[in-house]
Amino acid sequence: MRVYTYSTELCELYKDGVLIKLNHKQSKLLALLIDNLNHTVSYEILVDTIWDLDRISASGLRTLVYSLRKIVPELEILSHSKMGYTLQVLAR
């Protein structure tokens, strides 16, 4: 069983104690989802926080989420049509 840990201070994700390399935008996305575990984060909040004032295409956020899912496929990132994304973590 893989164990993931996240350092909120360093904004770094570790799998079994090994740092997982994320780019700046992937790190921001993961931090937002972790800060709002099991709650939907709206598209607007994600775009405003990750891209600041930059304009992005409609597919920009989807592409970013896709890239994070590829790096960390065990994370359950749920998509809610026309609403946002949720990082679902079940309590043990």
C-alpha atoms as a PDB file:
ATOM      1  CA  MET A   1       0.000   0.000   0.000  1.00  0.00           C
ATOM      2  CA  ARG A   2       1.370   3.395  -0.985  1.00  0.00           C
ATOM      3  CA  VAL A   3       1.473   6.153   1.580  1.00  0.00           C
ATOM      4  CA  TYR A   4       1.162   9.769   0.471  1.00  0.00           C
ATOM      5  CA  THR A   5       2.115  12.688   2.658  1.00  0.00           C
ATOM      6  CA  TYR A   6       1.774  16.362   1.874  1.00  0.00           C
ATOM      7  CA  SER A   7       3.811  19.139   3.433  1.00  0.00           C
ATOM      8  CA  THR A   8       1.571  22.212   3.660  1.00  0.00           C
ATOM      9  CA  GLU A   9       4.583  24.273   4.682  1.00  0.00           C
ATOM     10  CA  LEU A  10       6.651  23.313   1.621  1.00  0.00           C
ATOM     11  CA  CYS A  11       3.724  22.505  -0.736  1.00  0.00           C
ATOM     12  CA  GLU A  12       5.364  19.201  -1.567  1.00  0.00           C
ATOM     13  CA  LEU A  13       3.852  15.764  -2.103  1.00  0.00           C
ATOM     14  CA  TYR A  14       5.675  12.582  -1.126  1.00  0.00           C
ATOM     15  CA  LYS A  15       4.917   8.969  -2.002  1.00  0.00           C
ATOM     16  CA  ASP A  16       6.481   6.475   0.403  1.00  0.00           C
ATOM     17  CA  GLY A  17       8.855   9.227   1.540  1.00  0.00           C
ATOM     18  CA  VAL A  18      10.019  10.114  -1.993  1.00  0.00           C
ATOM     19  CA  LEU A  19       9.314  13.598  -3.344  1.00  0.00           C
ATOM     20  CA  ILE A  20       6.952  13.662  -6.329  1.00  0.00           C
ATOM     21  CA  LYS A  21       8.035  16.279  -8.859  1.00  0.00           C
ATOM     22  CA  LEU A  22       5.211  18.725  -9.605  1.00  0.00           C
ATOM     23  CA  ASN A  23       5.365  21.949 -11.570  1.00  0.00           C
ATOM     24  CA  HIS A  24       4.206  25.247 -10.065  1.00  0.00           C
ATOM     25  CA  LYS A  25       0.629  25.074 -11.379  1.00  0.00           C
ATOM     26  CA  GLN A  26       0.217  21.411 -10.407  1.00  0.00           C
ATOM     27  CA  SER A  27       1.395  22.298  -6.893  1.00  0.00           C
ATOM     28  CA  LYS A  28      -1.110  25.162  -6.652  1.00  0.00           C
ATOM     29  CA  LEU A  29      -3.944  22.921  -7.859  1.00  0.00           C
ATOM     30  CA  LEU A  30      -3.081  20.185  -5.386  1.00  0.00           C
ATOM     31  CA  ALA A  31      -2.792  22.671  -2.516  1.00  0.00           C
ATOM     32  CA  LEU A  32      -6.239  24.101  -3.275  1.00  0.00           C
ATOM     33  CA  LEU A  33      -7.802  20.653  -3.455  1.00  0.00           C
ATOM     34  CA  ILE A  34      -6.107  19.534  -0.233  1.00  0.00           C
ATOM     35  CA  ASP A  35      -7.201  22.702   1.563  1.00  0.00           C
ATOM     36  CA  ASN A  36     -10.769  21.808   0.554  1.00  0.00           C
ATOM     37  CA  LEU A  37     -10.759  18.011   0.962  1.00  0.00           C
ATOM     38  CA  ASN A  38     -14.084  16.401   0.078  1.00  0.00           C
ATOM     39  CA  HIS A  39     -15.506  19.778  -1.003  1.00  0.00           C
ATOM     40  CA  THR A  40     -15.904  21.060  -4.529  1.00  0.00           C
ATOM     41  CA  VAL A  41     -13.594  23.903  -5.518  1.00  0.00           C
ATOM     42  CA  SER A  42     -15.225  26.005  -8.221  1.00  0.00           C
ATOM     43  CA  TYR A  43     -13.690  26.543 -11.643  1.00  0.00           C
ATOM     44  CA  GLU A  44     -13.590  30.272 -10.927  1.00  0.00           C
ATOM     45  CA  ILE A  45     -11.591  29.887  -7.711  1.00  0.00           C
ATOM     46  CA  LEU A  46      -9.197  27.419  -9.333  1.00  0.00           C
ATOM     47  CA  VAL A  47      -8.566  29.623 -12.377  1.00  0.00           C
ATOM     48  CA  ASP A  48      -8.256  32.840 -10.351  1.00  0.00           C
ATOM     49  CA  THR A  49      -5.831  31.275  -7.881  1.00  0.00           C
ATOM     50  CA  ILE A  50      -3.695  29.250 -10.268  1.00  0.00           C
ATOM     51  CA  TRP A  51      -3.484  31.662 -13.191  1.00  0.00           C
ATOM     52  CA  ASP A  52      -3.953  34.964 -11.329  1.00  0.00           C
ATOM     53  CA  LEU A  53      -4.903  37.508 -14.017  1.00  0.00           C
ATOM     54  CA  ASP A  54      -3.752  35.444 -17.004  1.00  0.00           C
ATOM     55  CA  ARG A  55      -6.411  34.355 -19.471  1.00  0.00           C
ATOM     56  CA  ILE A  56      -6.595  30.634 -20.163  1.00  0.00           C
ATOM     57  CA  SER A  57      -8.439  28.561 -22.715  1.00  0.00           C
ATOM     58  CA  ALA A  58     -11.435  26.502 -21.659  1.00  0.00           C
ATOM     59  CA  SER A  59      -9.311  23.371 -21.792  1.00  0.00           C
ATOM     60  CA  GLY A  60      -6.428  24.791 -19.711  1.00  0.00           C
ATOM     61  CA  LEU A  61      -7.791  23.673 -16.347  1.00  0.00           C
ATOM     62  CA  ARG A  62      -8.836  20.274 -17.701  1.00  0.00           C
ATOM     63  CA  THR A  63      -5.337  19.770 -19.077  1.00  0.00           C
ATOM     64  CA  LEU A  64      -3.783  20.703 -15.733  1.00  0.00           C
ATOM     65  CA  VAL A  65      -6.050  18.273 -13.847  1.00  0.00           C
ATOM     66  CA  TYR A  66      -5.261  15.562 -16.413  1.00  0.00           C
ATOM     67  CA  SER A  67      -1.509  16.088 -15.916  1.00  0.00           C
ATOM     68  CA  LEU A  68      -1.866  15.820 -12.122  1.00  0.00           C
ATOM     69  CA  ARG A  69      -3.961  12.647 -12.470  1.00  0.00           C
ATOM     70  CA  LYS A  70      -1.240  11.115 -14.668  1.00  0.00           C
ATOM     71  CA  ILE A  71       1.471  11.854 -12.091  1.00  0.00           C
ATOM     72  CA  VAL A  72      -0.613  10.708  -9.099  1.00  0.00           C
ATOM     73  CA  PRO A  73      -3.273   8.316 -10.445  1.00  0.00           C
ATOM     74  CA  GLU A  74      -4.203   7.084  -6.962  1.00  0.00           C
ATOM     75  CA  LEU A  75      -5.619  10.479  -5.980  1.00  0.00           C
ATOM     76  CA  GLU A  76      -9.347  10.575  -6.517  1.00  0.00           C
ATOM     77  CA  ILE A  77      -9.900  13.926  -8.221  1.00  0.00           C
ATOM     78  CA  LEU A  78     -13.567  14.151  -9.138  1.00  0.00           C
ATOM     79  CA  SER A  79     -14.873  16.400 -11.881  1.00  0.00           C
ATOM     80  CA  HIS A  80     -18.248  18.089 -11.404  1.00  0.00           C
ATOM     81  CA  SER A  81     -19.622  19.342 -14.703  1.00  0.00           C
ATOM     82  CA  LYS A  82     -19.869  23.147 -14.815  1.00  0.00           C
ATOM     83  CA  MET A  83     -18.973  23.342 -11.109  1.00  0.00           C
ATOM     84  CA  GLY A  84     -15.390  22.390 -10.294  1.00  0.00           C
ATOM     85  CA  TYR A  85     -13.231  19.626  -8.838  1.00  0.00           C
ATOM     86  CA  THR A  86     -13.101  17.702  -5.567  1.00  0.00           C
ATOM     87  CA  LEU A  87     -10.253  15.723  -4.035  1.00  0.00           C
ATOM     88  CA  GLN A  88     -12.108  12.896  -2.369  1.00  0.00           C
ATOM     89  CA  VAL A  89     -10.424  11.220   0.566  1.00  0.00           C
ATOM     90  CA  LEU A  90     -12.274   8.572   2.514  1.00  0.00           C
ATOM     91  CA  ALA A  91     -11.684   8.343   6.257  1.00  0.00           C
ATOM     92  CA  ARG A  92     -10.250   5.091   7.535  1.00  0.00           C
END
